[in-house]
Amino acid sequence: MATIPTDLERMNYGGPAGCIAPGQHRQVIGDAVATRTLLAEESGALCLLDRAAGVVYTLPTPVAGMTFEFLVVVSVTSNAHKVITHANTAFLLGGVLAGDVTIATSGPYFEANGSTIRALSANGSTSGGLLGERYVVTALTSTYWGIHGVTHGAGTLITPFATS
């Protein structure tokens, strides 16, 4: 299993019980741009999908333990809200539950297989991309991102996962 890198800053006093981080705040990334490449030092951030014409976030090279959360705050009406790995040798592994907002029931579960899937792409209808959609990616190794969450779509729901 992966180990925690030794070059990360540690917040502790050396005690076995851990540490307290009062007043901790989380970075929120949301500048309504078409494309954004995330940086390793932004790990832990909440990334907003905040543009009706779609937003594409490219993940950094994965280092075990990095995590990013994505939240749709503006439904996509053209193009797509997309999260993609940095290279064709890094893959998504896990899945998302899809919900149909027009009939208020949960829909199918879609799986990222960890061998060909590199992106989640939500089109604003059948593959998701509607207000409130949320998913988290966590780097598992130098080639895998774990993903879980919920997509919000309308109509006959299809997988949001893609190979590019």
N, C-alpha and C. Protein backbone atom coordinates (compact mmCIF):
# COMPACT_ATOMS: atom_id res chain seq x y z
N MET A 1 0.83 -1.17 0.00
CA MET A 1 0.00 0.00 0.00
C MET A 1 0.88 1.24 0.00
N ALA A 2 0.34 2.36 -0.43
CA ALA A 2 1.09 3.60 -0.52
C ALA A 2 1.41 4.15 0.86
N THR A 3 2.52 4.85 0.94
CA THR A 3 2.92 5.50 2.19
C THR A 3 2.81 7.00 2.01
N ILE A 4 2.74 7.72 3.11
CA ILE A 4 2.67 9.18 3.08
C ILE A 4 4.06 9.71 2.75
N PRO A 5 4.16 10.61 1.76
CA PRO A 5 5.47 11.17 1.42
C PRO A 5 6.11 11.85 2.63
N THR A 6 7.42 11.73 2.74
CA THR A 6 8.14 12.28 3.89
C THR A 6 8.41 13.77 3.77
N ASP A 7 8.24 14.35 2.58
CA ASP A 7 8.54 15.77 2.41
C ASP A 7 7.34 16.68 2.65
N LEU A 8 6.21 16.13 3.15
CA LEU A 8 5.06 16.96 3.47
C LEU A 8 5.22 17.59 4.85
N GLU A 9 4.74 18.83 4.97
CA GLU A 9 4.78 19.49 6.28
C GLU A 9 3.84 18.77 7.23
N ARG A 10 4.29 18.55 8.44
CA ARG A 10 3.50 17.84 9.45
C ARG A 10 2.97 18.84 10.47
N MET A 11 1.71 18.70 10.82
CA MET A 11 1.11 19.54 11.85
C MET A 11 0.90 18.68 13.08
N ASN A 12 1.92 18.59 13.92
CA ASN A 12 1.75 17.83 15.16
C ASN A 12 2.82 18.21 16.15
N TYR A 13 2.67 17.75 17.34
CA TYR A 13 3.65 18.00 18.39
C TYR A 13 4.38 16.72 18.77
N GLY A 14 4.19 15.68 17.97
CA GLY A 14 4.87 14.42 18.22
C GLY A 14 4.11 13.49 19.13
N GLY A 15 2.93 13.88 19.58
CA GLY A 15 2.13 13.04 20.48
C GLY A 15 1.35 11.98 19.71
N PRO A 16 1.03 10.88 20.34
CA PRO A 16 0.34 9.79 19.67
C PRO A 16 -1.13 10.07 19.38
N ALA A 17 -1.72 11.11 19.98
CA ALA A 17 -3.15 11.38 19.80
C ALA A 17 -3.45 12.25 18.59
N GLY A 18 -2.44 12.79 17.93
CA GLY A 18 -2.68 13.64 16.76
C GLY A 18 -2.49 15.09 17.08
N CYS A 19 -3.23 15.97 16.39
CA CYS A 19 -3.10 17.40 16.60
C CYS A 19 -4.45 18.09 16.39
N ILE A 20 -4.53 19.35 16.78
CA ILE A 20 -5.72 20.17 16.59
C ILE A 20 -5.34 21.29 15.63
N ALA A 21 -6.21 21.57 14.69
CA ALA A 21 -5.97 22.65 13.74
C ALA A 21 -7.17 23.60 13.80
N PRO A 22 -7.23 24.47 14.81
CA PRO A 22 -8.37 25.37 14.94
C PRO A 22 -8.42 26.38 13.79
N GLY A 23 -9.63 26.72 13.39
CA GLY A 23 -9.80 27.73 12.36
C GLY A 23 -9.38 27.29 10.98
N GLN A 24 -9.30 26.01 10.76
CA GLN A 24 -8.86 25.50 9.47
C GLN A 24 -9.87 25.87 8.39
N HIS A 25 -9.38 26.35 7.27
CA HIS A 25 -10.23 26.70 6.14
C HIS A 25 -9.76 25.94 4.92
N ARG A 26 -10.69 25.65 4.06
CA ARG A 26 -10.41 24.89 2.85
C ARG A 26 -10.33 25.83 1.66
N GLN A 27 -9.41 25.57 0.76
CA GLN A 27 -9.30 26.36 -0.45
C GLN A 27 -10.48 26.05 -1.36
N VAL A 28 -11.09 27.09 -1.93
CA VAL A 28 -12.16 26.94 -2.90
C VAL A 28 -11.65 27.51 -4.22
N ILE A 29 -11.70 26.68 -5.26
CA ILE A 29 -11.24 27.10 -6.58
C ILE A 29 -12.48 27.25 -7.45
N GLY A 30 -12.68 28.43 -7.97
CA GLY A 30 -13.82 28.68 -8.83
C GLY A 30 -13.68 30.03 -9.49
N ASP A 31 -13.19 30.03 -10.70
CA ASP A 31 -13.00 31.30 -11.38
C ASP A 31 -13.70 31.35 -12.73
N ALA A 32 -14.66 30.42 -12.93
CA ALA A 32 -15.51 30.40 -14.13
C ALA A 32 -14.71 30.48 -15.43
N VAL A 33 -13.60 29.74 -15.48
CA VAL A 33 -12.82 29.68 -16.71
C VAL A 33 -13.11 28.36 -17.42
N ALA A 34 -12.80 28.29 -18.69
CA ALA A 34 -13.09 27.10 -19.49
C ALA A 34 -12.22 25.92 -19.10
N THR A 35 -10.94 26.17 -18.82
CA THR A 35 -10.02 25.08 -18.46
C THR A 35 -9.14 25.51 -17.30
N ARG A 36 -8.79 24.54 -16.49
CA ARG A 36 -7.91 24.81 -15.33
C ARG A 36 -7.14 23.55 -15.02
N THR A 37 -5.82 23.65 -14.96
CA THR A 37 -4.98 22.54 -14.52
C THR A 37 -4.71 22.71 -13.04
N LEU A 38 -5.11 21.72 -12.27
CA LEU A 38 -4.92 21.78 -10.82
C LEU A 38 -3.46 21.51 -10.47
N LEU A 39 -3.01 22.09 -9.38
CA LEU A 39 -1.64 21.92 -8.90
C LEU A 39 -1.62 20.98 -7.71
N ALA A 40 -0.52 20.28 -7.53
CA ALA A 40 -0.39 19.35 -6.41
C ALA A 40 -0.62 20.06 -5.08
N GLU A 41 -0.13 21.28 -4.95
CA GLU A 41 -0.28 22.01 -3.69
C GLU A 41 -1.71 22.47 -3.43
N GLU A 42 -2.61 22.30 -4.39
CA GLU A 42 -4.02 22.63 -4.20
C GLU A 42 -4.83 21.42 -3.69
N SER A 43 -4.15 20.31 -3.44
CA SER A 43 -4.82 19.13 -2.91
C SER A 43 -5.65 19.50 -1.68
N GLY A 44 -6.85 18.96 -1.60
CA GLY A 44 -7.77 19.26 -0.51
C GLY A 44 -8.80 20.31 -0.89
N ALA A 45 -8.63 20.94 -2.03
CA ALA A 45 -9.52 22.03 -2.45
C ALA A 45 -10.89 21.53 -2.91
N LEU A 46 -11.87 22.40 -2.77
CA LEU A 46 -13.18 22.22 -3.37
C LEU A 46 -13.15 22.99 -4.68
N CYS A 47 -13.36 22.29 -5.79
CA CYS A 47 -13.28 22.86 -7.13
C CYS A 47 -14.69 23.04 -7.67
N LEU A 48 -15.05 24.28 -7.97
CA LEU A 48 -16.40 24.56 -8.43
C LEU A 48 -16.51 24.41 -9.94
N LEU A 49 -17.56 23.75 -10.35
CA LEU A 49 -17.93 23.69 -11.76
C LEU A 49 -18.96 24.81 -11.91
N ASP A 50 -18.48 25.96 -12.36
CA ASP A 50 -19.22 27.21 -12.20
C ASP A 50 -19.40 28.01 -13.48
N ARG A 51 -19.50 27.31 -14.60
CA ARG A 51 -19.63 27.99 -15.89
C ARG A 51 -20.63 27.24 -16.75
N ALA A 52 -21.67 27.91 -17.23
CA ALA A 52 -22.71 27.26 -18.03
C ALA A 52 -22.16 26.65 -19.32
N ALA A 53 -21.09 27.22 -19.85
CA ALA A 53 -20.46 26.69 -21.06
C ALA A 53 -19.45 25.59 -20.74
N GLY A 54 -19.45 25.10 -19.50
CA GLY A 54 -18.59 23.98 -19.12
C GLY A 54 -17.25 24.40 -18.56
N VAL A 55 -16.70 23.54 -17.73
CA VAL A 55 -15.37 23.71 -17.15
C VAL A 55 -14.65 22.38 -17.27
N VAL A 56 -13.38 22.42 -17.67
CA VAL A 56 -12.54 21.23 -17.71
C VAL A 56 -11.42 21.40 -16.70
N TYR A 57 -11.38 20.52 -15.70
CA TYR A 57 -10.29 20.49 -14.73
C TYR A 57 -9.38 19.32 -15.08
N THR A 58 -8.08 19.59 -15.20
CA THR A 58 -7.09 18.54 -15.40
C THR A 58 -6.40 18.29 -14.07
N LEU A 59 -6.40 17.04 -13.66
CA LEU A 59 -5.78 16.65 -12.40
C LEU A 59 -4.26 16.68 -12.52
N PRO A 60 -3.54 16.95 -11.43
CA PRO A 60 -2.07 16.90 -11.47
C PRO A 60 -1.60 15.44 -11.48
N THR A 61 -0.30 15.26 -11.65
CA THR A 61 0.28 13.93 -11.51
C THR A 61 -0.07 13.41 -10.12
N PRO A 62 -0.69 12.23 -10.03
CA PRO A 62 -1.15 11.77 -8.72
C PRO A 62 -0.01 11.36 -7.79
N VAL A 63 -0.13 11.79 -6.53
CA VAL A 63 0.73 11.36 -5.44
C VAL A 63 -0.23 10.84 -4.38
N ALA A 64 -0.03 9.61 -3.94
CA ALA A 64 -0.96 8.97 -3.02
C ALA A 64 -1.37 9.90 -1.88
N GLY A 65 -2.67 10.04 -1.69
CA GLY A 65 -3.22 10.87 -0.63
C GLY A 65 -3.78 12.20 -1.09
N MET A 66 -3.38 12.67 -2.27
CA MET A 66 -3.95 13.92 -2.79
C MET A 66 -5.45 13.72 -2.95
N THR A 67 -6.22 14.79 -2.76
CA THR A 67 -7.66 14.70 -2.95
C THR A 67 -8.22 16.02 -3.46
N PHE A 68 -9.23 15.92 -4.30
CA PHE A 68 -9.94 17.07 -4.82
C PHE A 68 -11.42 16.74 -4.82
N GLU A 69 -12.24 17.72 -4.47
CA GLU A 69 -13.69 17.54 -4.52
C GLU A 69 -14.25 18.51 -5.55
N PHE A 70 -15.26 18.07 -6.29
CA PHE A 70 -15.87 18.87 -7.35
C PHE A 70 -17.35 19.04 -7.06
N LEU A 71 -17.86 20.26 -7.25
CA LEU A 71 -19.26 20.58 -6.99
C LEU A 71 -19.80 21.45 -8.11
N VAL A 72 -20.93 21.03 -8.69
CA VAL A 72 -21.58 21.82 -9.74
C VAL A 72 -22.42 22.91 -9.07
N VAL A 73 -22.04 24.18 -9.30
CA VAL A 73 -22.81 25.30 -8.77
C VAL A 73 -23.53 26.06 -9.89
N VAL A 74 -23.19 25.75 -11.15
CA VAL A 74 -23.89 26.27 -12.32
C VAL A 74 -24.08 25.09 -13.28
N SER A 75 -25.33 24.76 -13.58
CA SER A 75 -25.59 23.65 -14.50
C SER A 75 -24.99 23.95 -15.86
N VAL A 76 -24.41 22.93 -16.47
CA VAL A 76 -23.80 23.10 -17.79
C VAL A 76 -24.90 23.08 -18.85
N THR A 77 -24.83 24.01 -19.79
CA THR A 77 -25.81 24.08 -20.87
C THR A 77 -25.20 23.84 -22.25
N SER A 78 -23.88 23.92 -22.33
CA SER A 78 -23.17 23.58 -23.58
C SER A 78 -21.80 23.03 -23.21
N ASN A 79 -21.22 22.26 -24.09
CA ASN A 79 -19.95 21.58 -23.82
C ASN A 79 -20.14 20.60 -22.67
N ALA A 80 -19.27 20.62 -21.65
CA ALA A 80 -19.39 19.68 -20.53
C ALA A 80 -18.62 20.19 -19.32
N HIS A 81 -19.03 19.72 -18.16
CA HIS A 81 -18.20 19.83 -16.96
C HIS A 81 -17.38 18.55 -16.96
N LYS A 82 -16.04 18.71 -16.91
CA LYS A 82 -15.19 17.54 -17.09
C LYS A 82 -14.02 17.57 -16.11
N VAL A 83 -13.68 16.39 -15.61
CA VAL A 83 -12.48 16.19 -14.80
C VAL A 83 -11.69 15.10 -15.51
N ILE A 84 -10.42 15.37 -15.83
CA ILE A 84 -9.61 14.42 -16.60
C ILE A 84 -8.23 14.28 -15.97
N THR A 85 -7.66 13.09 -16.08
CA THR A 85 -6.30 12.86 -15.57
C THR A 85 -5.29 13.59 -16.43
N HIS A 86 -4.09 13.77 -15.89
CA HIS A 86 -3.04 14.55 -16.56
C HIS A 86 -2.42 13.84 -17.76
N ALA A 87 -2.52 12.52 -17.83
CA ALA A 87 -1.85 11.76 -18.90
C ALA A 87 -2.64 10.49 -19.22
N ASN A 88 -2.34 9.92 -20.38
CA ASN A 88 -3.07 8.70 -20.79
C ASN A 88 -2.58 7.45 -20.06
N THR A 89 -1.74 7.63 -19.04
CA THR A 89 -1.28 6.51 -18.22
C THR A 89 -1.83 6.59 -16.79
N ALA A 90 -2.72 7.54 -16.55
CA ALA A 90 -3.36 7.68 -15.23
C ALA A 90 -4.86 7.47 -15.41
N PHE A 91 -5.48 6.71 -14.49
CA PHE A 91 -6.86 6.29 -14.68
C PHE A 91 -7.72 6.54 -13.46
N LEU A 92 -9.04 6.58 -13.69
CA LEU A 92 -10.02 6.68 -12.62
C LEU A 92 -10.51 5.28 -12.27
N LEU A 93 -10.71 5.06 -10.97
CA LEU A 93 -11.15 3.77 -10.46
C LEU A 93 -12.21 4.03 -9.40
N GLY A 94 -13.38 3.45 -9.56
CA GLY A 94 -14.47 3.66 -8.60
C GLY A 94 -15.77 3.85 -9.33
N GLY A 95 -16.60 4.76 -8.86
CA GLY A 95 -17.87 4.96 -9.53
C GLY A 95 -18.69 6.08 -8.95
N VAL A 96 -19.79 6.36 -9.64
CA VAL A 96 -20.74 7.39 -9.20
C VAL A 96 -22.16 6.85 -9.33
N LEU A 97 -23.01 7.30 -8.45
CA LEU A 97 -24.43 7.02 -8.52
C LEU A 97 -25.06 8.17 -9.29
N ALA A 98 -25.94 7.85 -10.23
CA ALA A 98 -26.59 8.89 -11.03
C ALA A 98 -28.02 9.08 -10.55
N GLY A 99 -28.43 10.33 -10.45
CA GLY A 99 -29.80 10.64 -10.07
C GLY A 99 -30.47 11.43 -11.17
N ASP A 100 -31.74 11.14 -11.44
CA ASP A 100 -32.52 11.85 -12.44
C ASP A 100 -33.32 12.93 -11.74
N VAL A 101 -33.01 14.19 -11.98
CA VAL A 101 -33.67 15.28 -11.27
C VAL A 101 -35.11 15.50 -11.72
N THR A 102 -35.49 14.94 -12.87
CA THR A 102 -36.86 15.15 -13.35
C THR A 102 -37.87 14.19 -12.73
N ILE A 103 -37.38 13.06 -12.20
CA ILE A 103 -38.32 12.12 -11.58
C ILE A 103 -37.97 11.83 -10.13
N ALA A 104 -36.99 12.55 -9.60
CA ALA A 104 -36.63 12.48 -8.18
C ALA A 104 -36.38 11.07 -7.67
N THR A 105 -35.70 10.26 -8.45
CA THR A 105 -35.29 8.93 -7.99
C THR A 105 -33.83 8.74 -8.34
N SER A 106 -33.21 7.82 -7.63
CA SER A 106 -31.83 7.52 -7.99
C SER A 106 -31.84 6.61 -9.20
N GLY A 107 -30.81 6.72 -9.96
CA GLY A 107 -30.70 5.93 -11.17
C GLY A 107 -29.60 4.90 -11.05
N PRO A 108 -28.95 4.63 -12.14
CA PRO A 108 -27.92 3.59 -12.16
C PRO A 108 -26.62 4.01 -11.50
N TYR A 109 -25.79 3.00 -11.27
CA TYR A 109 -24.44 3.21 -10.78
C TYR A 109 -23.51 3.00 -11.96
N PHE A 110 -22.61 3.96 -12.19
CA PHE A 110 -21.67 3.86 -13.30
C PHE A 110 -20.26 3.69 -12.74
N GLU A 111 -19.49 2.81 -13.36
CA GLU A 111 -18.19 2.44 -12.83
C GLU A 111 -17.05 2.89 -13.74
N ALA A 112 -15.99 3.40 -13.11
CA ALA A 112 -14.73 3.70 -13.78
C ALA A 112 -13.82 2.50 -13.53
N ASN A 113 -13.35 1.87 -14.59
CA ASN A 113 -12.71 0.56 -14.47
C ASN A 113 -11.23 0.56 -14.08
N GLY A 114 -10.59 1.72 -14.03
CA GLY A 114 -9.19 1.78 -13.62
C GLY A 114 -8.20 1.33 -14.68
N SER A 115 -8.70 0.99 -15.88
CA SER A 115 -7.76 0.55 -16.92
C SER A 115 -7.89 1.34 -18.23
N THR A 116 -9.02 1.95 -18.48
CA THR A 116 -9.18 2.76 -19.69
C THR A 116 -9.81 4.12 -19.42
N ILE A 117 -10.49 4.26 -18.31
CA ILE A 117 -11.25 5.49 -18.01
C ILE A 117 -10.34 6.57 -17.45
N ARG A 118 -10.33 7.73 -18.11
CA ARG A 118 -9.49 8.86 -17.69
C ARG A 118 -10.28 10.09 -17.30
N ALA A 119 -11.60 10.10 -17.58
CA ALA A 119 -12.35 11.34 -17.37
C ALA A 119 -13.78 11.08 -16.94
N LEU A 120 -14.33 12.05 -16.24
CA LEU A 120 -15.76 12.14 -16.00
C LEU A 120 -16.21 13.36 -16.76
N SER A 121 -17.17 13.18 -17.67
CA SER A 121 -17.63 14.27 -18.52
C SER A 121 -19.15 14.34 -18.44
N ALA A 122 -19.67 15.43 -17.88
CA ALA A 122 -21.10 15.60 -17.66
C ALA A 122 -21.65 16.64 -18.64
N ASN A 123 -22.64 16.23 -19.46
CA ASN A 123 -23.11 17.05 -20.57
C ASN A 123 -24.29 17.98 -20.26
N GLY A 124 -24.78 17.99 -19.04
CA GLY A 124 -25.90 18.86 -18.71
C GLY A 124 -27.25 18.20 -18.85
N SER A 125 -27.25 16.93 -19.23
CA SER A 125 -28.52 16.20 -19.30
C SER A 125 -28.30 14.75 -18.93
N THR A 126 -28.15 13.87 -19.91
CA THR A 126 -28.13 12.43 -19.65
C THR A 126 -26.91 11.92 -18.89
N SER A 127 -25.77 12.61 -18.98
CA SER A 127 -24.58 12.15 -18.25
C SER A 127 -24.28 13.01 -17.03
N GLY A 128 -25.21 13.85 -16.65
CA GLY A 128 -25.03 14.68 -15.46
C GLY A 128 -24.66 16.11 -15.80
N GLY A 129 -24.17 16.82 -14.79
CA GLY A 129 -23.76 18.20 -14.99
C GLY A 129 -24.75 19.22 -14.47
N LEU A 130 -25.76 18.75 -13.71
CA LEU A 130 -26.76 19.67 -13.18
C LEU A 130 -26.45 20.08 -11.75
N LEU A 131 -27.04 21.16 -11.33
CA LEU A 131 -26.80 21.79 -10.04
C LEU A 131 -26.77 20.79 -8.89
N GLY A 132 -25.74 20.90 -8.05
CA GLY A 132 -25.61 20.07 -6.86
C GLY A 132 -24.82 18.80 -7.03
N GLU A 133 -24.48 18.44 -8.25
CA GLU A 133 -23.66 17.25 -8.51
C GLU A 133 -22.34 17.38 -7.76
N ARG A 134 -21.85 16.25 -7.22
CA ARG A 134 -20.64 16.31 -6.40
C ARG A 134 -19.87 15.00 -6.48
N TYR A 135 -18.56 15.08 -6.64
CA TYR A 135 -17.71 13.90 -6.60
C TYR A 135 -16.33 14.25 -6.06
N VAL A 136 -15.67 13.22 -5.54
CA VAL A 136 -14.36 13.36 -4.93
C VAL A 136 -13.40 12.40 -5.63
N VAL A 137 -12.19 12.89 -5.91
CA VAL A 137 -11.13 12.03 -6.43
C VAL A 137 -9.99 12.04 -5.42
N THR A 138 -9.42 10.87 -5.19
CA THR A 138 -8.30 10.73 -4.27
C THR A 138 -7.22 9.91 -4.95
N ALA A 139 -5.99 10.40 -4.96
CA ALA A 139 -4.89 9.67 -5.56
C ALA A 139 -4.59 8.44 -4.72
N LEU A 140 -4.60 7.28 -5.36
CA LEU A 140 -4.31 6.02 -4.69
C LEU A 140 -2.87 5.59 -4.90
N THR A 141 -2.37 5.82 -6.09
CA THR A 141 -0.98 5.51 -6.47
C THR A 141 -0.55 6.56 -7.48
N SER A 142 0.59 6.36 -8.11
CA SER A 142 1.06 7.29 -9.13
C SER A 142 0.33 7.13 -10.47
N THR A 143 -0.57 6.16 -10.55
CA THR A 143 -1.32 5.95 -11.80
C THR A 143 -2.83 5.84 -11.60
N TYR A 144 -3.32 5.85 -10.36
CA TYR A 144 -4.76 5.69 -10.12
C TYR A 144 -5.32 6.78 -9.23
N TRP A 145 -6.48 7.28 -9.64
CA TRP A 145 -7.31 8.18 -8.84
C TRP A 145 -8.58 7.41 -8.48
N GLY A 146 -8.90 7.31 -7.21
CA GLY A 146 -10.18 6.75 -6.80
C GLY A 146 -11.24 7.83 -6.95
N ILE A 147 -12.44 7.45 -7.37
CA ILE A 147 -13.52 8.42 -7.54
C ILE A 147 -14.80 7.87 -6.93
N HIS A 148 -15.56 8.75 -6.28
CA HIS A 148 -16.90 8.40 -5.82
C HIS A 148 -17.73 9.67 -5.77
N GLY A 149 -19.04 9.52 -5.89
CA GLY A 149 -19.91 10.69 -5.81
C GLY A 149 -21.26 10.45 -6.44
N VAL A 150 -21.92 11.54 -6.74
CA VAL A 150 -23.27 11.51 -7.30
C VAL A 150 -23.33 12.49 -8.47
N THR A 151 -23.88 12.03 -9.58
CA THR A 151 -24.14 12.92 -10.71
C THR A 151 -25.63 13.20 -10.78
N HIS A 152 -25.98 14.38 -11.31
CA HIS A 152 -27.39 14.76 -11.46
C HIS A 152 -27.66 14.99 -12.93
N GLY A 153 -28.55 14.18 -13.49
CA GLY A 153 -28.89 14.31 -14.90
C GLY A 153 -30.38 14.32 -15.10
N ALA A 154 -30.78 14.25 -16.37
CA ALA A 154 -32.20 14.24 -16.73
C ALA A 154 -32.38 13.37 -17.97
N GLY A 155 -33.44 12.58 -17.97
CA GLY A 155 -33.71 11.71 -19.10
C GLY A 155 -33.15 10.32 -18.86
N THR A 156 -32.87 9.61 -19.94
CA THR A 156 -32.28 8.28 -19.84
C THR A 156 -30.80 8.45 -19.54
N LEU A 157 -30.42 8.13 -18.32
CA LEU A 157 -29.06 8.40 -17.86
C LEU A 157 -28.05 7.46 -18.50
N ILE A 158 -26.89 8.03 -18.85
CA ILE A 158 -25.78 7.28 -19.44
C ILE A 158 -24.53 7.52 -18.61
N THR A 159 -23.52 6.68 -18.82
CA THR A 159 -22.29 6.83 -18.05
C THR A 159 -21.63 8.18 -18.34
N PRO A 160 -21.12 8.83 -17.29
CA PRO A 160 -20.36 10.06 -17.50
C PRO A 160 -18.87 9.78 -17.75
N PHE A 161 -18.46 8.52 -17.64
CA PHE A 161 -17.05 8.18 -17.76
C PHE A 161 -16.62 8.06 -19.21
N ALA A 162 -15.39 8.51 -19.47
CA ALA A 162 -14.85 8.51 -20.84
C ALA A 162 -13.36 8.16 -20.82
N THR A 163 -12.86 7.73 -21.96
CA THR A 163 -11.45 7.37 -22.09
C THR A 163 -10.55 8.57 -22.39
N SER A 164 -11.16 9.71 -22.69
CA SER A 164 -10.36 10.93 -22.94
C SER A 164 -11.18 12.16 -22.63
